[in-house]
């Protein structure tokens, strides 16, 4: 049974008060389980999260949207796919190939702020190719667009009109923001990732 381990940290965390972004990070991680078994925050601005392999990319994109709501902040994320051979009461004490791949992937991040590592080099090459292109757009997400993306990801069933009502914005603002952010294309990439994973 393959699982996914996300290892990340907050870029520029020292430039903002943690009271501002930490509740948002905890809220985002809470969507995927409870601490400390499913996720933990350590060293102030680093985190680890376990999710199903299928949900891993969605969770990573969601975490980036949550952090990019704050000026100059972002999340650097390494996704590791593999096995969990030891399950402890704390995620940071569990281990297996998923943890090893996640740590190696995170440590190898240089220019890119999101990548994946698994036991299938051809999968990694394909998905990381998609991510390199997607990041050209993601890293231009403005804070107000990131809030719209975060809300859209939390409520995939809502229409743009319903999103606009929820956020107190006009439908045209929602439409323009999502189009500029490449939202549909990025969600298409996420769907393709799920498709690739389902064949493993």
N, C-alpha and C. Protein backbone atom coordinates (compact mmCIF):
# COMPACT_ATOMS: atom_id res chain seq x y z
N UNK A 1 0.86 -1.20 0.00
CA UNK A 1 0.00 0.00 0.00
C UNK A 1 0.89 1.25 0.00
N UNK A 2 0.82 2.02 -1.10
CA UNK A 2 1.67 3.22 -1.12
C UNK A 2 0.95 4.38 -0.43
N UNK A 3 1.75 5.16 0.24
CA UNK A 3 1.23 6.35 0.91
C UNK A 3 2.09 7.53 0.47
N UNK A 4 1.70 8.73 0.86
CA UNK A 4 2.47 9.91 0.52
C UNK A 4 2.83 10.67 1.79
N UNK A 5 4.09 11.08 1.85
CA UNK A 5 4.55 11.93 2.95
C UNK A 5 4.98 13.26 2.35
N UNK A 6 4.42 14.32 2.88
CA UNK A 6 4.76 15.67 2.44
C UNK A 6 5.68 16.28 3.50
N UNK A 7 6.86 16.70 3.09
CA UNK A 7 7.78 17.42 3.99
C UNK A 7 7.90 18.83 3.45
N UNK A 8 7.70 19.81 4.31
CA UNK A 8 7.73 21.19 3.82
C UNK A 8 8.22 22.18 4.84
N UNK A 9 8.46 23.38 4.35
CA UNK A 9 8.72 24.50 5.27
C UNK A 9 8.14 25.77 4.64
N UNK A 10 8.10 26.82 5.45
CA UNK A 10 7.51 28.07 5.01
C UNK A 10 8.62 29.01 4.56
N UNK A 11 8.56 29.42 3.30
CA UNK A 11 9.55 30.35 2.75
C UNK A 11 9.27 31.75 3.31
N UNK A 12 10.34 32.40 3.77
CA UNK A 12 10.26 33.77 4.33
C UNK A 12 9.46 33.84 5.62
N UNK A 13 9.37 32.73 6.36
CA UNK A 13 8.55 32.73 7.59
C UNK A 13 8.99 33.78 8.59
N UNK A 14 10.29 34.13 8.57
CA UNK A 14 10.78 35.11 9.56
C UNK A 14 10.37 36.55 9.21
N UNK A 15 9.88 36.72 7.98
CA UNK A 15 9.48 38.07 7.57
C UNK A 15 8.05 38.39 7.96
N UNK A 16 7.37 37.41 8.55
CA UNK A 16 5.97 37.64 8.95
C UNK A 16 5.76 37.08 10.35
N UNK A 17 4.81 37.65 11.05
CA UNK A 17 4.49 37.16 12.39
C UNK A 17 3.85 35.78 12.26
N UNK A 18 4.34 34.84 13.07
CA UNK A 18 3.76 33.49 12.98
C UNK A 18 2.30 33.47 13.42
N UNK A 19 1.90 34.45 14.24
CA UNK A 19 0.50 34.51 14.67
C UNK A 19 -0.42 34.75 13.47
N UNK A 20 0.17 35.28 12.40
CA UNK A 20 -0.60 35.56 11.18
C UNK A 20 -0.81 34.27 10.37
N UNK A 21 0.31 33.58 10.04
CA UNK A 21 0.21 32.43 9.11
C UNK A 21 0.10 31.06 9.77
N UNK A 22 0.53 30.93 11.03
CA UNK A 22 0.52 29.61 11.67
C UNK A 22 -0.90 29.03 11.82
N UNK A 23 -1.90 29.82 12.23
CA UNK A 23 -3.26 29.25 12.30
C UNK A 23 -3.75 28.75 10.93
N UNK A 24 -3.36 29.46 9.86
CA UNK A 24 -3.77 29.04 8.50
C UNK A 24 -3.11 27.72 8.12
N UNK A 25 -1.83 27.59 8.49
CA UNK A 25 -1.10 26.34 8.20
C UNK A 25 -1.73 25.18 8.97
N UNK A 26 -2.00 25.40 10.26
CA UNK A 26 -2.63 24.35 11.07
C UNK A 26 -4.00 23.98 10.53
N UNK A 27 -4.77 24.99 10.12
CA UNK A 27 -6.10 24.75 9.56
C UNK A 27 -6.03 23.91 8.29
N UNK A 28 -5.02 24.22 7.45
CA UNK A 28 -4.84 23.47 6.20
C UNK A 28 -4.45 22.02 6.49
N UNK A 29 -3.53 21.82 7.41
CA UNK A 29 -3.08 20.46 7.75
C UNK A 29 -4.20 19.65 8.39
N UNK A 30 -5.03 20.34 9.17
CA UNK A 30 -6.16 19.68 9.85
C UNK A 30 -7.18 19.09 8.87
N UNK A 31 -7.18 19.59 7.64
CA UNK A 31 -8.10 19.06 6.62
C UNK A 31 -7.77 17.59 6.32
N UNK A 32 -6.54 17.18 6.65
CA UNK A 32 -6.06 15.84 6.26
C UNK A 32 -5.85 14.88 7.43
N UNK A 33 -6.27 15.28 8.62
CA UNK A 33 -6.10 14.40 9.77
C UNK A 33 -5.69 15.19 10.99
N UNK A 34 -5.43 14.49 12.09
CA UNK A 34 -5.10 15.21 13.32
C UNK A 34 -3.64 15.02 13.71
N UNK A 35 -3.15 16.01 14.45
CA UNK A 35 -1.78 15.98 14.94
C UNK A 35 -1.73 15.18 16.24
N UNK A 36 -0.68 14.45 16.57
CA UNK A 36 0.59 14.35 15.84
C UNK A 36 0.68 13.12 14.94
N UNK A 37 -0.41 12.34 14.83
CA UNK A 37 -0.32 11.11 14.03
C UNK A 37 -0.27 11.39 12.53
N UNK A 38 -1.12 12.31 12.02
CA UNK A 38 -1.17 12.59 10.58
C UNK A 38 -0.26 13.74 10.17
N UNK A 39 -0.05 14.69 11.08
CA UNK A 39 0.84 15.81 10.77
C UNK A 39 1.47 16.39 12.02
N UNK A 40 2.61 17.05 11.80
CA UNK A 40 3.29 17.77 12.89
C UNK A 40 3.98 19.00 12.33
N UNK A 41 4.04 20.04 13.14
CA UNK A 41 4.85 21.22 12.81
C UNK A 41 6.03 21.18 13.77
N UNK A 42 7.22 21.35 13.23
CA UNK A 42 8.42 21.30 14.09
C UNK A 42 9.40 22.38 13.64
N UNK A 43 10.36 22.70 14.48
CA UNK A 43 11.35 23.76 14.22
C UNK A 43 10.67 25.08 13.85
N UNK A 44 9.45 25.27 14.32
CA UNK A 44 8.76 26.56 14.09
C UNK A 44 8.07 26.70 12.76
N UNK A 45 8.77 26.35 11.67
CA UNK A 45 8.15 26.59 10.35
C UNK A 45 8.28 25.40 9.39
N UNK A 46 8.62 24.22 9.94
CA UNK A 46 8.69 23.01 9.10
C UNK A 46 7.52 22.11 9.45
N UNK A 47 7.09 21.30 8.49
CA UNK A 47 5.95 20.44 8.77
C UNK A 47 6.07 19.13 7.99
N UNK A 48 5.37 18.13 8.51
CA UNK A 48 5.28 16.84 7.83
C UNK A 48 3.83 16.39 7.89
N UNK A 49 3.36 15.81 6.78
CA UNK A 49 1.96 15.42 6.66
C UNK A 49 1.88 14.10 5.90
N UNK A 50 1.03 13.19 6.38
CA UNK A 50 0.76 11.96 5.64
C UNK A 50 -0.62 12.05 5.00
N UNK A 51 -0.68 11.77 3.70
CA UNK A 51 -1.95 11.72 2.98
C UNK A 51 -1.92 10.51 2.05
N UNK A 52 -3.06 10.17 1.47
CA UNK A 52 -3.05 9.08 0.50
C UNK A 52 -2.27 9.56 -0.73
N UNK A 53 -1.68 8.62 -1.45
CA UNK A 53 -0.89 8.98 -2.64
C UNK A 53 -1.72 9.79 -3.63
N UNK A 54 -3.01 9.44 -3.77
CA UNK A 54 -3.88 10.12 -4.73
C UNK A 54 -4.09 11.60 -4.36
N UNK A 55 -4.16 11.87 -3.05
CA UNK A 55 -4.46 13.25 -2.61
C UNK A 55 -3.22 14.12 -2.47
N UNK A 56 -2.03 13.54 -2.64
CA UNK A 56 -0.79 14.25 -2.29
C UNK A 56 -0.60 15.56 -3.04
N UNK A 57 -0.81 15.55 -4.35
CA UNK A 57 -0.56 16.78 -5.11
C UNK A 57 -1.61 17.84 -4.79
N UNK A 58 -2.87 17.42 -4.63
CA UNK A 58 -3.94 18.37 -4.27
C UNK A 58 -3.59 19.04 -2.94
N UNK A 59 -3.15 18.22 -1.97
CA UNK A 59 -2.80 18.75 -0.65
C UNK A 59 -1.64 19.74 -0.75
N UNK A 60 -0.63 19.41 -1.57
CA UNK A 60 0.53 20.29 -1.72
C UNK A 60 0.13 21.62 -2.35
N UNK A 61 -0.70 21.57 -3.39
CA UNK A 61 -1.17 22.80 -4.05
C UNK A 61 -2.02 23.63 -3.10
N UNK A 62 -2.84 22.94 -2.30
CA UNK A 62 -3.69 23.62 -1.33
C UNK A 62 -2.83 24.33 -0.27
N UNK A 63 -1.80 23.65 0.21
CA UNK A 63 -0.89 24.26 1.21
C UNK A 63 -0.20 25.49 0.64
N UNK A 64 0.20 25.41 -0.63
CA UNK A 64 0.84 26.57 -1.26
C UNK A 64 -0.14 27.74 -1.36
N UNK A 65 -1.38 27.45 -1.77
CA UNK A 65 -2.40 28.52 -1.86
C UNK A 65 -2.63 29.15 -0.49
N UNK A 66 -2.68 28.33 0.56
CA UNK A 66 -2.90 28.84 1.93
C UNK A 66 -1.79 29.79 2.35
N UNK A 67 -0.54 29.44 2.04
CA UNK A 67 0.59 30.28 2.46
C UNK A 67 0.77 31.50 1.57
N UNK A 68 0.44 31.37 0.28
CA UNK A 68 0.63 32.50 -0.62
C UNK A 68 -0.43 33.60 -0.42
N UNK A 69 -1.41 33.33 0.47
CA UNK A 69 -2.35 34.40 0.86
C UNK A 69 -1.63 35.52 1.59
N UNK A 70 -0.47 35.20 2.17
CA UNK A 70 0.29 36.17 2.96
C UNK A 70 1.44 36.70 2.13
N UNK A 71 1.59 38.00 2.10
CA UNK A 71 2.62 38.66 1.28
C UNK A 71 4.00 38.06 1.53
N UNK A 72 4.68 37.72 0.45
CA UNK A 72 6.06 37.17 0.46
C UNK A 72 6.19 35.74 0.99
N UNK A 73 5.09 35.13 1.45
CA UNK A 73 5.20 33.77 1.99
C UNK A 73 4.86 32.73 0.91
N UNK A 74 5.41 31.55 1.10
CA UNK A 74 5.13 30.41 0.22
C UNK A 74 5.51 29.16 0.99
N UNK A 75 5.16 28.00 0.46
CA UNK A 75 5.57 26.73 1.07
C UNK A 75 6.49 26.00 0.09
N UNK A 76 7.60 25.48 0.62
CA UNK A 76 8.51 24.63 -0.17
C UNK A 76 8.17 23.20 0.21
N UNK A 77 7.87 22.35 -0.77
CA UNK A 77 7.30 21.03 -0.47
C UNK A 77 7.95 19.91 -1.28
N UNK A 78 8.34 18.85 -0.58
CA UNK A 78 8.81 17.63 -1.21
C UNK A 78 7.80 16.53 -0.93
N UNK A 79 7.29 15.89 -1.98
CA UNK A 79 6.33 14.79 -1.82
C UNK A 79 7.07 13.47 -2.02
N UNK A 80 6.96 12.58 -1.06
CA UNK A 80 7.57 11.25 -1.19
C UNK A 80 6.49 10.19 -1.26
N UNK A 81 6.57 9.33 -2.26
CA UNK A 81 5.63 8.21 -2.37
C UNK A 81 6.36 6.92 -2.04
N UNK A 82 5.70 6.06 -1.30
CA UNK A 82 6.33 4.79 -0.96
C UNK A 82 5.55 4.10 0.15
N UNK A 83 6.26 3.26 0.90
CA UNK A 83 5.60 2.52 1.97
C UNK A 83 5.86 3.17 3.33
N UNK A 84 4.96 2.87 4.25
CA UNK A 84 5.14 3.26 5.65
C UNK A 84 5.31 1.94 6.39
N UNK A 85 6.54 1.65 6.78
CA UNK A 85 6.80 0.33 7.39
C UNK A 85 6.71 0.36 8.90
N UNK A 86 6.79 1.56 9.48
CA UNK A 86 6.64 1.67 10.94
C UNK A 86 5.71 2.83 11.24
N UNK A 87 4.62 2.54 11.93
CA UNK A 87 3.65 3.57 12.27
C UNK A 87 3.73 3.89 13.76
N UNK A 88 4.23 5.08 14.08
CA UNK A 88 4.36 5.51 15.48
C UNK A 88 3.19 6.44 15.81
N UNK A 89 3.08 6.82 17.08
CA UNK A 89 1.99 7.72 17.48
C UNK A 89 2.23 9.14 16.95
N UNK A 90 3.51 9.44 16.60
CA UNK A 90 3.85 10.73 16.02
C UNK A 90 4.38 10.49 14.61
N UNK A 91 3.93 11.29 13.66
CA UNK A 91 4.37 11.10 12.27
C UNK A 91 5.89 11.24 12.14
N UNK A 92 6.49 12.14 12.92
CA UNK A 92 7.93 12.37 12.81
C UNK A 92 8.75 11.20 13.34
N UNK A 93 8.09 10.22 13.99
CA UNK A 93 8.80 9.04 14.48
C UNK A 93 8.47 7.79 13.65
N UNK A 94 7.56 7.94 12.67
CA UNK A 94 7.24 6.82 11.77
C UNK A 94 8.30 6.77 10.68
N UNK A 95 8.39 5.63 9.98
CA UNK A 95 9.33 5.59 8.86
C UNK A 95 8.93 4.58 7.80
N UNK A 96 9.76 4.53 6.75
CA UNK A 96 9.49 3.71 5.58
C UNK A 96 9.98 4.44 4.36
N UNK A 97 9.86 3.82 3.18
CA UNK A 97 10.41 4.44 1.97
C UNK A 97 9.73 5.77 1.62
N UNK A 98 8.44 5.93 1.99
CA UNK A 98 7.75 7.20 1.71
C UNK A 98 8.42 8.35 2.45
N UNK A 99 8.83 8.10 3.69
CA UNK A 99 9.50 9.13 4.50
C UNK A 99 10.88 9.44 3.92
N UNK A 100 11.59 8.37 3.52
CA UNK A 100 12.93 8.55 2.96
C UNK A 100 12.87 9.35 1.65
N UNK A 101 11.92 8.96 0.77
CA UNK A 101 11.78 9.68 -0.49
C UNK A 101 11.40 11.14 -0.27
N UNK A 102 10.52 11.38 0.69
CA UNK A 102 10.07 12.74 0.98
C UNK A 102 11.23 13.62 1.46
N UNK A 103 12.02 13.09 2.39
CA UNK A 103 13.18 13.84 2.91
C UNK A 103 14.20 14.11 1.82
N UNK A 104 14.48 13.09 0.99
CA UNK A 104 15.46 13.26 -0.10
C UNK A 104 14.96 14.28 -1.12
N UNK A 105 13.67 14.21 -1.42
CA UNK A 105 13.07 15.14 -2.38
C UNK A 105 13.14 16.57 -1.84
N UNK A 106 12.77 16.75 -0.58
CA UNK A 106 12.80 18.08 0.04
C UNK A 106 14.22 18.63 0.05
N UNK A 107 15.19 17.79 0.44
CA UNK A 107 16.58 18.25 0.52
C UNK A 107 17.16 18.62 -0.85
N UNK A 108 16.58 18.03 -1.91
CA UNK A 108 17.12 18.30 -3.25
C UNK A 108 16.47 19.51 -3.92
N UNK A 109 15.46 20.11 -3.28
CA UNK A 109 14.79 21.28 -3.88
C UNK A 109 15.74 22.46 -3.95
N UNK A 110 15.90 22.99 -5.14
CA UNK A 110 16.75 24.17 -5.29
C UNK A 110 15.91 25.30 -5.87
N UNK A 111 15.82 25.36 -7.20
CA UNK A 111 15.02 26.42 -7.82
C UNK A 111 13.52 26.16 -7.62
N UNK A 112 13.11 24.91 -7.82
CA UNK A 112 11.69 24.58 -7.71
C UNK A 112 11.26 24.48 -6.25
N UNK A 113 10.01 24.84 -5.99
CA UNK A 113 9.52 24.79 -4.61
C UNK A 113 8.54 23.64 -4.40
N UNK A 114 8.41 22.77 -5.41
CA UNK A 114 7.52 21.61 -5.29
C UNK A 114 8.01 20.52 -6.22
N UNK A 115 8.22 19.32 -5.66
CA UNK A 115 8.66 18.18 -6.47
C UNK A 115 8.20 16.89 -5.81
N UNK A 116 8.40 15.80 -6.56
CA UNK A 116 7.95 14.49 -6.09
C UNK A 116 9.07 13.47 -6.28
N UNK A 117 9.11 12.47 -5.40
CA UNK A 117 10.08 11.39 -5.55
C UNK A 117 9.41 10.09 -5.13
N UNK A 118 9.55 9.06 -5.98
CA UNK A 118 8.95 7.76 -5.69
C UNK A 118 9.95 6.68 -6.10
N UNK A 119 9.48 5.43 -6.14
CA UNK A 119 10.38 4.38 -6.61
C UNK A 119 10.27 4.18 -8.11
N UNK A 120 9.50 5.07 -8.77
CA UNK A 120 9.32 4.95 -10.23
C UNK A 120 9.92 6.18 -10.92
N UNK A 121 11.18 6.09 -11.38
CA UNK A 121 11.85 7.25 -11.98
C UNK A 121 11.07 7.88 -13.13
N UNK A 122 10.39 7.03 -13.94
CA UNK A 122 9.66 7.59 -15.09
C UNK A 122 8.45 8.41 -14.63
N UNK A 123 7.81 8.00 -13.52
CA UNK A 123 6.70 8.78 -12.95
C UNK A 123 7.23 10.12 -12.44
N UNK A 124 8.34 10.06 -11.70
CA UNK A 124 8.94 11.28 -11.14
C UNK A 124 9.28 12.27 -12.26
N UNK A 125 9.88 11.74 -13.32
CA UNK A 125 10.30 12.60 -14.43
C UNK A 125 9.09 13.29 -15.07
N UNK A 126 8.03 12.52 -15.30
CA UNK A 126 6.82 13.08 -15.92
C UNK A 126 6.16 14.12 -15.02
N UNK A 127 5.92 13.74 -13.76
CA UNK A 127 5.21 14.67 -12.84
C UNK A 127 6.06 15.90 -12.56
N UNK A 128 7.36 15.73 -12.36
CA UNK A 128 8.21 16.89 -12.08
C UNK A 128 8.32 17.82 -13.29
N UNK A 129 8.17 17.25 -14.48
CA UNK A 129 8.12 18.08 -15.69
C UNK A 129 6.89 18.97 -15.67
N UNK A 130 5.74 18.36 -15.32
CA UNK A 130 4.50 19.15 -15.21
C UNK A 130 4.64 20.24 -14.14
N UNK A 131 5.22 19.86 -13.00
CA UNK A 131 5.32 20.80 -11.88
C UNK A 131 6.23 21.98 -12.21
N UNK A 132 7.32 21.72 -12.93
CA UNK A 132 8.23 22.83 -13.32
C UNK A 132 7.48 23.87 -14.13
N UNK A 133 6.63 23.41 -15.03
CA UNK A 133 5.84 24.34 -15.84
C UNK A 133 4.76 25.03 -15.00
N UNK A 134 4.07 24.24 -14.18
CA UNK A 134 2.99 24.81 -13.34
C UNK A 134 3.52 25.87 -12.38
N UNK A 135 4.73 25.64 -11.86
CA UNK A 135 5.30 26.59 -10.89
C UNK A 135 5.57 27.96 -11.49
N UNK A 136 5.76 28.03 -12.81
CA UNK A 136 5.96 29.33 -13.46
C UNK A 136 4.73 30.21 -13.22
N UNK A 137 3.56 29.58 -13.15
CA UNK A 137 2.31 30.31 -12.89
C UNK A 137 2.03 30.42 -11.39
N UNK A 138 2.19 29.29 -10.67
CA UNK A 138 1.89 29.26 -9.24
C UNK A 138 2.69 30.32 -8.48
N UNK A 139 3.95 30.48 -8.87
CA UNK A 139 4.81 31.43 -8.13
C UNK A 139 4.51 32.88 -8.47
N UNK A 140 3.50 33.08 -9.31
CA UNK A 140 3.03 34.45 -9.57
C UNK A 140 1.66 34.69 -8.93
N UNK A 141 1.13 33.68 -8.23
CA UNK A 141 -0.16 33.87 -7.58
C UNK A 141 -0.07 35.02 -6.57
N UNK A 142 -0.91 36.02 -6.73
CA UNK A 142 -0.96 37.12 -5.76
C UNK A 142 -1.74 36.67 -4.53
N UNK A 143 -1.61 37.42 -3.44
CA UNK A 143 -2.26 36.98 -2.19
C UNK A 143 -3.78 36.92 -2.32
N UNK A 144 -4.40 37.90 -2.99
CA UNK A 144 -5.87 37.86 -3.10
C UNK A 144 -6.32 36.71 -4.01
N UNK A 145 -5.55 36.42 -5.07
CA UNK A 145 -5.88 35.28 -5.95
C UNK A 145 -5.72 33.97 -5.18
N UNK A 146 -4.71 33.90 -4.32
CA UNK A 146 -4.46 32.68 -3.53
C UNK A 146 -5.63 32.39 -2.60
N UNK A 147 -6.23 33.44 -2.04
CA UNK A 147 -7.42 33.25 -1.18
C UNK A 147 -8.57 32.67 -1.99
N UNK A 148 -8.74 33.15 -3.22
CA UNK A 148 -9.80 32.63 -4.09
C UNK A 148 -9.52 31.16 -4.43
N UNK A 149 -8.27 30.85 -4.76
CA UNK A 149 -7.88 29.47 -5.11
C UNK A 149 -8.10 28.54 -3.91
N UNK A 150 -7.67 28.98 -2.73
CA UNK A 150 -7.84 28.19 -1.51
C UNK A 150 -9.33 27.88 -1.29
N UNK A 151 -10.17 28.89 -1.43
CA UNK A 151 -11.62 28.71 -1.22
C UNK A 151 -12.21 27.79 -2.30
N UNK A 152 -11.75 27.94 -3.53
CA UNK A 152 -12.23 27.08 -4.62
C UNK A 152 -11.83 25.62 -4.38
N UNK A 153 -10.62 25.42 -3.85
CA UNK A 153 -10.14 24.05 -3.57
C UNK A 153 -10.89 23.44 -2.38
N UNK A 154 -11.28 24.27 -1.44
CA UNK A 154 -12.05 23.78 -0.28
C UNK A 154 -13.49 23.46 -0.66
N UNK A 155 -13.98 24.12 -1.72
CA UNK A 155 -15.39 23.97 -2.12
C UNK A 155 -15.50 23.68 -3.61
N UNK A 156 -14.97 22.52 -4.05
CA UNK A 156 -14.94 22.24 -5.50
C UNK A 156 -16.32 22.17 -6.15
N UNK A 157 -17.36 22.00 -5.32
CA UNK A 157 -18.72 21.88 -5.87
C UNK A 157 -19.33 23.25 -6.18
N UNK A 158 -18.73 24.33 -5.68
CA UNK A 158 -19.33 25.66 -5.88
C UNK A 158 -19.07 26.21 -7.27
N UNK A 159 -20.07 26.89 -7.82
CA UNK A 159 -19.89 27.59 -9.10
C UNK A 159 -19.14 28.89 -8.81
N UNK A 160 -18.68 29.56 -9.86
CA UNK A 160 -18.00 30.86 -9.68
C UNK A 160 -18.93 31.88 -9.04
N UNK A 161 -20.20 31.83 -9.39
CA UNK A 161 -21.18 32.76 -8.81
C UNK A 161 -21.31 32.51 -7.31
N UNK A 162 -21.34 31.22 -6.92
CA UNK A 162 -21.44 30.88 -5.49
C UNK A 162 -20.16 31.24 -4.75
N UNK A 163 -19.01 31.06 -5.41
CA UNK A 163 -17.73 31.45 -4.80
C UNK A 163 -17.70 32.96 -4.57
N UNK A 164 -18.19 33.70 -5.56
CA UNK A 164 -18.21 35.16 -5.46
C UNK A 164 -19.04 35.60 -4.27
N UNK A 165 -20.20 34.96 -4.09
CA UNK A 165 -21.09 35.28 -2.97
C UNK A 165 -20.39 34.98 -1.64
N UNK A 166 -19.74 33.83 -1.59
CA UNK A 166 -19.06 33.39 -0.36
C UNK A 166 -17.94 34.37 0.03
N UNK A 167 -17.23 34.87 -0.98
CA UNK A 167 -16.07 35.74 -0.72
C UNK A 167 -16.42 37.23 -0.77
N UNK A 168 -17.67 37.54 -1.09
CA UNK A 168 -18.07 38.95 -1.16
C UNK A 168 -17.39 39.69 -2.29
N UNK A 169 -17.21 39.00 -3.42
CA UNK A 169 -16.58 39.61 -4.59
C UNK A 169 -17.51 39.44 -5.78
N UNK A 170 -17.18 40.12 -6.88
CA UNK A 170 -18.01 39.96 -8.07
C UNK A 170 -17.61 38.68 -8.80
N UNK A 171 -18.54 38.13 -9.57
CA UNK A 171 -18.26 36.90 -10.32
C UNK A 171 -17.13 37.14 -11.33
N UNK A 172 -17.09 38.35 -11.91
CA UNK A 172 -16.04 38.64 -12.90
C UNK A 172 -14.65 38.67 -12.24
N UNK A 173 -14.58 39.13 -10.98
CA UNK A 173 -13.30 39.13 -10.25
C UNK A 173 -12.83 37.70 -10.03
N UNK A 174 -13.76 36.83 -9.63
CA UNK A 174 -13.43 35.41 -9.41
C UNK A 174 -12.94 34.79 -10.71
N UNK A 175 -13.68 35.01 -11.78
CA UNK A 175 -13.36 34.45 -13.09
C UNK A 175 -11.98 34.91 -13.57
N UNK A 176 -11.74 36.22 -13.49
CA UNK A 176 -10.45 36.79 -13.94
C UNK A 176 -9.30 36.24 -13.11
N UNK A 177 -9.50 36.19 -11.78
CA UNK A 177 -8.43 35.71 -10.88
C UNK A 177 -8.07 34.26 -11.16
N UNK A 178 -9.09 33.41 -11.32
CA UNK A 178 -8.85 31.98 -11.57
C UNK A 178 -8.22 31.76 -12.94
N UNK A 179 -8.65 32.55 -13.92
CA UNK A 179 -8.07 32.42 -15.27
C UNK A 179 -6.60 32.83 -15.25
N UNK A 180 -6.30 33.97 -14.63
CA UNK A 180 -4.92 34.46 -14.55
C UNK A 180 -4.03 33.50 -13.78
N UNK A 181 -4.62 32.82 -12.79
CA UNK A 181 -3.85 31.89 -11.95
C UNK A 181 -3.69 30.51 -12.60
N UNK A 182 -4.29 30.34 -13.80
CA UNK A 182 -4.19 29.05 -14.48
C UNK A 182 -4.88 27.93 -13.71
N UNK A 183 -5.93 28.28 -12.98
CA UNK A 183 -6.56 27.33 -12.07
C UNK A 183 -7.06 26.06 -12.78
N UNK A 184 -7.79 26.24 -13.89
CA UNK A 184 -8.33 25.06 -14.59
C UNK A 184 -7.22 24.16 -15.10
N UNK A 185 -6.17 24.78 -15.64
CA UNK A 185 -5.05 23.99 -16.18
C UNK A 185 -4.31 23.26 -15.07
N UNK A 186 -4.15 23.92 -13.92
CA UNK A 186 -3.45 23.29 -12.79
C UNK A 186 -4.28 22.15 -12.22
N UNK A 187 -5.59 22.31 -12.19
CA UNK A 187 -6.47 21.23 -11.73
C UNK A 187 -6.47 20.05 -12.74
N UNK A 188 -6.29 20.38 -14.01
CA UNK A 188 -6.20 19.35 -15.04
C UNK A 188 -4.91 18.52 -14.82
N UNK A 189 -3.83 19.24 -14.47
CA UNK A 189 -2.56 18.56 -14.17
C UNK A 189 -2.72 17.65 -12.95
N UNK A 190 -3.45 18.14 -11.94
CA UNK A 190 -3.66 17.37 -10.71
C UNK A 190 -4.47 16.10 -11.03
N UNK A 191 -5.43 16.23 -11.94
CA UNK A 191 -6.24 15.08 -12.36
C UNK A 191 -5.37 14.05 -13.09
N UNK A 192 -4.46 14.55 -13.92
CA UNK A 192 -3.54 13.65 -14.64
C UNK A 192 -2.62 12.92 -13.66
N UNK A 193 -2.18 13.63 -12.61
CA UNK A 193 -1.35 13.00 -11.56
C UNK A 193 -2.13 11.84 -10.91
N UNK A 194 -3.40 12.08 -10.56
CA UNK A 194 -4.23 11.02 -9.95
C UNK A 194 -4.36 9.82 -10.88
N UNK A 195 -4.51 10.12 -12.17
CA UNK A 195 -4.64 9.09 -13.18
C UNK A 195 -3.36 8.23 -13.23
N UNK A 196 -2.20 8.89 -13.21
CA UNK A 196 -0.91 8.18 -13.23
C UNK A 196 -0.75 7.30 -11.99
N UNK A 197 -1.15 7.84 -10.82
CA UNK A 197 -1.01 7.13 -9.56
C UNK A 197 -1.94 5.91 -9.52
N UNK A 198 -3.13 6.05 -10.10
CA UNK A 198 -4.10 4.95 -10.04
C UNK A 198 -3.63 3.71 -10.80
N UNK A 199 -2.65 3.89 -11.69
CA UNK A 199 -2.12 2.75 -12.45
C UNK A 199 -0.92 2.09 -11.79
N UNK A 200 -0.58 2.53 -10.58
CA UNK A 200 0.59 1.95 -9.88
C UNK A 200 0.14 0.82 -8.99
